[in-house]
Amino acid sequence: MKDILPETHSDSLDELDFQLLSHLQHDGRKSFTDIATETGLAVSTVRNRLTRLLDAKVIQIIGRVEPERVGFHVYARIGVTVRPVAEAKAVAAKIAKLKEVSFLAMTSGEHTMEVNVMCRDNDHLTSLLDSIHAMKGVYTTSSDMYLKVYKLAQPELSLLSNHNTK
C-alpha cells in the first residue's frame, strides 16, 4: 500500500514558496493578483509557483466548514490497536476511506494508530465504531469524545525558524 500522504521535504521549498504559502494560509481565497501586489512579484510568478506547489501536493485549497454548524455534533478521537501489527497498513487504508475520518496517524505508545472522526450524533459514532471493530486486524479501540473544540487549525508557517513569513 502506498502511504496516504506523499513524503515531501521542506528543504525543497525556498523562501518565496514559504512566503506564498503563508499568504494562502491566512486567506485561501486570495487571488494571484492580490498576492503579487502584496509581494511585489509578477502575477505569472505567483501563478507558476503556486501551481507547482499544488501539483506537488504541498498545499491543497479546500473549504473548511465549522463542523457543529453543518450538523457534526460528535467529534471523537479513537485509539486503534492492531494485531498482528503486520495488518496495520491494511487497517489504515480501510480507515482512511471512511468519510467520517478527519485525521489518521500511526502512533507510538498504547495504540497502533489514532483516528479523529466527526459524526452526526452518538448513534452515528457507535455505528462507525462497529465498522472499525469489524475490520480484520483491529484488536481493540478506545475512544474519547471532544466535548468542546476551542481551536481547529494548522500551525503557522512562521514557527519554522529558518523561514521568515508574515
C-alpha atoms as a PDB file:
ATOM      1  CA  MET A   1       0.000   0.000   0.000  1.00  0.00           C
ATOM      2  CA  LYS A   2       1.197   3.486  -0.816  1.00  0.00           C
ATOM      3  CA  ASP A   3       1.467   5.919   2.101  1.00  0.00           C
ATOM      4  CA  ILE A   4      -1.615   8.091   2.356  1.00  0.00           C
ATOM      5  CA  LEU A   5       0.386  11.318   2.251  1.00  0.00           C
ATOM      6  CA  PRO A   6       3.362  11.583  -0.090  1.00  0.00           C
ATOM      7  CA  GLU A   7       6.704  12.237   1.562  1.00  0.00           C
ATOM      8  CA  THR A   8       7.860  15.797   0.972  1.00  0.00           C
ATOM      9  CA  HIS A   9      10.858  17.675   2.255  1.00  0.00           C
ATOM     10  CA  SER A  10      10.795  21.309   3.340  1.00  0.00           C
ATOM     11  CA  ASP A  11      14.364  21.703   2.067  1.00  0.00           C
ATOM     12  CA  SER A  12      12.972  21.566  -1.491  1.00  0.00           C
ATOM     13  CA  LEU A  13      10.952  24.726  -0.746  1.00  0.00           C
ATOM     14  CA  ASP A  14      12.591  28.131  -0.834  1.00  0.00           C
ATOM     15  CA  GLU A  15      11.779  31.362   0.994  1.00  0.00           C
ATOM     16  CA  LEU A  16       9.476  32.536  -1.804  1.00  0.00           C
ATOM     17  CA  ASP A  17       7.478  29.298  -1.607  1.00  0.00           C
ATOM     18  CA  PHE A  18       7.012  29.796   2.149  1.00  0.00           C
ATOM     19  CA  GLN A  19       6.015  33.421   1.621  1.00  0.00           C
ATOM     20  CA  LEU A  20       3.347  32.439  -0.921  1.00  0.00           C
ATOM     21  CA  LEU A  21       2.119  29.573   1.256  1.00  0.00           C
ATOM     22  CA  SER A  22       1.812  31.934   4.199  1.00  0.00           C
ATOM     23  CA  HIS A  23      -0.424  34.270   2.176  1.00  0.00           C
ATOM     24  CA  LEU A  24      -2.768  31.410   1.304  1.00  0.00           C
ATOM     25  CA  GLN A  25      -2.678  30.030   4.827  1.00  0.00           C
ATOM     26  CA  HIS A  26      -4.116  33.337   6.043  1.00  0.00           C
ATOM     27  CA  ASP A  27      -6.658  33.617   3.204  1.00  0.00           C
ATOM     28  CA  GLY A  28      -7.099  30.635   0.902  1.00  0.00           C
ATOM     29  CA  ARG A  29      -9.297  32.714  -1.426  1.00  0.00           C
ATOM     30  CA  LYS A  30      -6.678  35.412  -2.024  1.00  0.00           C
ATOM     31  CA  SER A  31      -6.173  35.961  -5.746  1.00  0.00           C
ATOM     32  CA  PHE A  32      -2.847  35.611  -7.546  1.00  0.00           C
ATOM     33  CA  THR A  33      -3.124  39.306  -8.391  1.00  0.00           C
ATOM     34  CA  ASP A  34      -3.521  40.321  -4.740  1.00  0.00           C
ATOM     35  CA  ILE A  35      -0.613  38.112  -3.681  1.00  0.00           C
ATOM     36  CA  ALA A  36       1.519  39.546  -6.488  1.00  0.00           C
ATOM     37  CA  THR A  37       0.688  43.100  -5.415  1.00  0.00           C
ATOM     38  CA  GLU A  38       1.497  42.401  -1.768  1.00  0.00           C
ATOM     39  CA  THR A  39       4.770  40.609  -2.534  1.00  0.00           C
ATOM     40  CA  GLY A  40       5.959  42.742  -5.455  1.00  0.00           C
ATOM     41  CA  LEU A  41       6.113  39.685  -7.720  1.00  0.00           C
ATOM     42  CA  ALA A  42       4.718  39.251 -11.196  1.00  0.00           C
ATOM     43  CA  VAL A  43       1.296  37.558 -11.321  1.00  0.00           C
ATOM     44  CA  SER A  44       2.793  34.895 -13.602  1.00  0.00           C
ATOM     45  CA  THR A  45       5.453  34.083 -10.990  1.00  0.00           C
ATOM     46  CA  VAL A  46       2.822  33.690  -8.278  1.00  0.00           C
ATOM     47  CA  ARG A  47       0.620  31.571 -10.562  1.00  0.00           C
ATOM     48  CA  ASN A  48       3.508  29.315 -11.683  1.00  0.00           C
ATOM     49  CA  ARG A  49       4.883  28.845  -8.164  1.00  0.00           C
ATOM     50  CA  LEU A  50       1.513  28.085  -6.606  1.00  0.00           C
ATOM     51  CA  THR A  51       0.564  25.740  -9.452  1.00  0.00           C
ATOM     52  CA  ARG A  52       3.808  23.842  -8.846  1.00  0.00           C
ATOM     53  CA  LEU A  53       3.066  23.656  -5.108  1.00  0.00           C
ATOM     54  CA  LEU A  54      -0.472  22.444  -5.791  1.00  0.00           C
ATOM     55  CA  ASP A  55       0.757  19.826  -8.269  1.00  0.00           C
ATOM     56  CA  ALA A  56       3.370  18.649  -5.742  1.00  0.00           C
ATOM     57  CA  LYS A  57       0.604  18.359  -3.099  1.00  0.00           C
ATOM     58  CA  VAL A  58       2.451  20.771  -0.803  1.00  0.00           C
ATOM     59  CA  ILE A  59      -0.804  22.723  -0.459  1.00  0.00           C
ATOM     60  CA  GLN A  60      -4.458  21.948  -1.038  1.00  0.00           C
ATOM     61  CA  ILE A  61      -7.089  24.628  -1.400  1.00  0.00           C
ATOM     62  CA  ILE A  62     -10.214  23.445   0.408  1.00  0.00           C
ATOM     63  CA  GLY A  63     -13.256  24.939   2.066  1.00  0.00           C
ATOM     64  CA  ARG A  64     -13.150  24.153   5.781  1.00  0.00           C
ATOM     65  CA  VAL A  65     -16.578  24.091   7.376  1.00  0.00           C
ATOM     66  CA  GLU A  66     -17.407  24.597  11.038  1.00  0.00           C
ATOM     67  CA  PRO A  67     -18.425  21.027  11.981  1.00  0.00           C
ATOM     68  CA  GLU A  68     -21.035  21.986  14.586  1.00  0.00           C
ATOM     69  CA  ARG A  69     -22.748  24.464  12.238  1.00  0.00           C
ATOM     70  CA  VAL A  70     -23.259  21.888   9.480  1.00  0.00           C
ATOM     71  CA  GLY A  71     -24.506  19.060  11.698  1.00  0.00           C
ATOM     72  CA  PHE A  72     -21.452  17.215  13.041  1.00  0.00           C
ATOM     73  CA  HIS A  73     -22.276  17.271  16.750  1.00  0.00           C
ATOM     74  CA  VAL A  74     -19.971  14.441  17.879  1.00  0.00           C
ATOM     75  CA  TYR A  75     -16.203  14.776  17.440  1.00  0.00           C
ATOM     76  CA  ALA A  76     -14.075  11.938  18.801  1.00  0.00           C
ATOM     77  CA  ARG A  77     -10.578  10.520  18.997  1.00  0.00           C
ATOM     78  CA  ILE A  78     -10.287   6.777  18.546  1.00  0.00           C
ATOM     79  CA  GLY A  79      -7.177   4.847  19.519  1.00  0.00           C
ATOM     80  CA  VAL A  80      -6.950   1.661  17.445  1.00  0.00           C
ATOM     81  CA  THR A  81      -4.763  -1.286  18.393  1.00  0.00           C
ATOM     82  CA  VAL A  82      -3.970  -3.651  15.531  1.00  0.00           C
ATOM     83  CA  ARG A  83      -2.869  -7.262  15.989  1.00  0.00           C
ATOM     84  CA  PRO A  84      -0.886  -8.610  14.370  1.00  0.00           C
ATOM     85  CA  VAL A  85       0.912  -5.335  13.728  1.00  0.00           C
ATOM     86  CA  ALA A  86       1.618  -6.535  10.166  1.00  0.00           C
ATOM     87  CA  GLU A  87      -2.052  -5.694   9.452  1.00  0.00           C
ATOM     88  CA  ALA A  88      -1.553  -2.009  10.367  1.00  0.00           C
ATOM     89  CA  LYS A  89      -1.178  -0.653   6.830  1.00  0.00           C
ATOM     90  CA  ALA A  90      -4.203  -2.597   5.586  1.00  0.00           C
ATOM     91  CA  VAL A  91      -6.298  -1.382   8.529  1.00  0.00           C
ATOM     92  CA  ALA A  92      -5.093   2.200   7.992  1.00  0.00           C
ATOM     93  CA  ALA A  93      -6.067   2.016   4.306  1.00  0.00           C
ATOM     94  CA  LYS A  94      -9.591   0.883   5.249  1.00  0.00           C
ATOM     95  CA  ILE A  95      -9.991   3.507   7.971  1.00  0.00           C
ATOM     96  CA  ALA A  96      -8.692   6.259   5.658  1.00  0.00           C
ATOM     97  CA  LYS A  97     -11.594   5.527   3.284  1.00  0.00           C
ATOM     98  CA  LEU A  98     -14.214   6.191   5.962  1.00  0.00           C
ATOM     99  CA  LYS A  99     -15.911   9.518   5.242  1.00  0.00           C
ATOM    100  CA  GLU A 100     -16.082  10.482   8.911  1.00  0.00           C
ATOM    101  CA  VAL A 101     -12.292  10.417   9.338  1.00  0.00           C
ATOM    102  CA  SER A 102     -10.594  13.815   9.519  1.00  0.00           C
ATOM    103  CA  PHE A 103      -7.188  12.647  10.807  1.00  0.00           C
ATOM    104  CA  LEU A 104      -5.386   9.304  10.843  1.00  0.00           C
ATOM    105  CA  ALA A 105      -1.850   8.584  12.033  1.00  0.00           C
ATOM    106  CA  MET A 106       0.357   5.729  13.201  1.00  0.00           C
ATOM    107  CA  THR A 107       1.362   6.348  16.789  1.00  0.00           C
ATOM    108  CA  SER A 108       3.817   5.156  19.379  1.00  0.00           C
ATOM    109  CA  GLY A 109       2.534   4.100  22.756  1.00  0.00           C
ATOM    110  CA  GLU A 110      -0.623   2.313  23.751  1.00  0.00           C
ATOM    111  CA  HIS A 111      -2.350   2.234  20.353  1.00  0.00           C
ATOM    112  CA  THR A 112      -1.170   1.471  16.838  1.00  0.00           C
ATOM    113  CA  MET A 113      -2.966   4.468  15.359  1.00  0.00           C
ATOM    114  CA  GLU A 114      -5.056   7.479  16.230  1.00  0.00           C
ATOM    115  CA  VAL A 115      -8.178   8.407  14.313  1.00  0.00           C
ATOM    116  CA  ASN A 116     -10.169  11.631  14.630  1.00  0.00           C
ATOM    117  CA  VAL A 117     -13.756  11.450  13.421  1.00  0.00           C
ATOM    118  CA  MET A 118     -16.752  13.739  13.089  1.00  0.00           C
ATOM    119  CA  CYS A 119     -20.210  12.222  13.361  1.00  0.00           C
ATOM    120  CA  ARG A 120     -23.784  13.494  13.359  1.00  0.00           C
ATOM    121  CA  ASP A 121     -24.646  12.036  16.773  1.00  0.00           C
ATOM    122  CA  ASN A 122     -23.806   9.258  19.236  1.00  0.00           C
ATOM    123  CA  ASP A 123     -25.666   6.622  17.185  1.00  0.00           C
ATOM    124  CA  HIS A 124     -23.576   7.556  14.152  1.00  0.00           C
ATOM    125  CA  LEU A 125     -20.372   7.243  16.231  1.00  0.00           C
ATOM    126  CA  THR A 126     -21.488   3.866  17.612  1.00  0.00           C
ATOM    127  CA  SER A 127     -22.162   2.605  14.084  1.00  0.00           C
ATOM    128  CA  LEU A 128     -18.758   3.847  12.941  1.00  0.00           C
ATOM    129  CA  LEU A 129     -17.030   2.123  15.867  1.00  0.00           C
ATOM    130  CA  ASP A 130     -18.850  -1.111  14.951  1.00  0.00           C
ATOM    131  CA  SER A 131     -17.477  -0.779  11.399  1.00  0.00           C
ATOM    132  CA  ILE A 132     -13.946  -0.286  12.688  1.00  0.00           C
ATOM    133  CA  HIS A 133     -14.239  -3.209  15.134  1.00  0.00           C
ATOM    134  CA  ALA A 134     -15.315  -5.480  12.265  1.00  0.00           C
ATOM    135  CA  MET A 135     -12.094  -4.827  10.301  1.00  0.00           C
ATOM    136  CA  LYS A 136      -9.619  -7.694  10.120  1.00  0.00           C
ATOM    137  CA  GLY A 137      -6.671  -6.897  12.373  1.00  0.00           C
ATOM    138  CA  VAL A 138      -8.460  -4.491  14.729  1.00  0.00           C
ATOM    139  CA  TYR A 139      -7.838  -5.855  18.217  1.00  0.00           C
ATOM    140  CA  THR A 140      -9.198  -3.055  20.427  1.00  0.00           C
ATOM    141  CA  THR A 141     -10.312   0.537  20.264  1.00  0.00           C
ATOM    142  CA  SER A 142     -10.519   3.265  22.859  1.00  0.00           C
ATOM    143  CA  SER A 143     -12.482   6.420  22.176  1.00  0.00           C
ATOM    144  CA  ASP A 144     -12.574   9.847  23.758  1.00  0.00           C
ATOM    145  CA  MET A 145     -15.202  12.380  22.804  1.00  0.00           C
ATOM    146  CA  TYR A 146     -14.233  16.001  22.402  1.00  0.00           C
ATOM    147  CA  LEU A 147     -16.842  17.884  24.405  1.00  0.00           C
ATOM    148  CA  LYS A 148     -15.913  21.324  23.082  1.00  0.00           C
ATOM    149  CA  VAL A 149     -13.387  22.253  20.403  1.00  0.00           C
ATOM    150  CA  TYR A 150     -11.733  25.593  21.080  1.00  0.00           C
ATOM    151  CA  LYS A 151      -9.419  25.658  18.093  1.00  0.00           C
ATOM    152  CA  LEU A 152      -9.209  23.726  14.843  1.00  0.00           C
ATOM    153  CA  ALA A 153      -6.341  24.985  12.695  1.00  0.00           C
ATOM    154  CA  GLN A 154      -2.919  24.303  11.265  1.00  0.00           C
ATOM    155  CA  PRO A 155       0.241  25.725  12.832  1.00  0.00           C
ATOM    156  CA  GLU A 156       1.601  28.971  11.440  1.00  0.00           C
ATOM    157  CA  LEU A 157       4.450  28.578   8.960  1.00  0.00           C
ATOM    158  CA  SER A 158       6.322  31.272  10.885  1.00  0.00           C
ATOM    159  CA  LEU A 159       7.070  28.620  13.521  1.00  0.00           C
ATOM    160  CA  LEU A 160       9.672  27.198  11.153  1.00  0.00           C
ATOM    161  CA  SER A 161      12.567  29.276  12.411  1.00  0.00           C
ATOM    162  CA  ASN A 162      14.513  29.373   9.141  1.00  0.00           C
ATOM    163  CA  HIS A 163      11.550  30.795   7.195  1.00  0.00           C
ATOM    164  CA  ASN A 164      10.594  34.366   7.923  1.00  0.00           C
ATOM    165  CA  THR A 165       6.973  34.529   6.755  1.00  0.00           C
ATOM    166  CA  LYS A 166       4.321  37.053   7.643  1.00  0.00           C
END
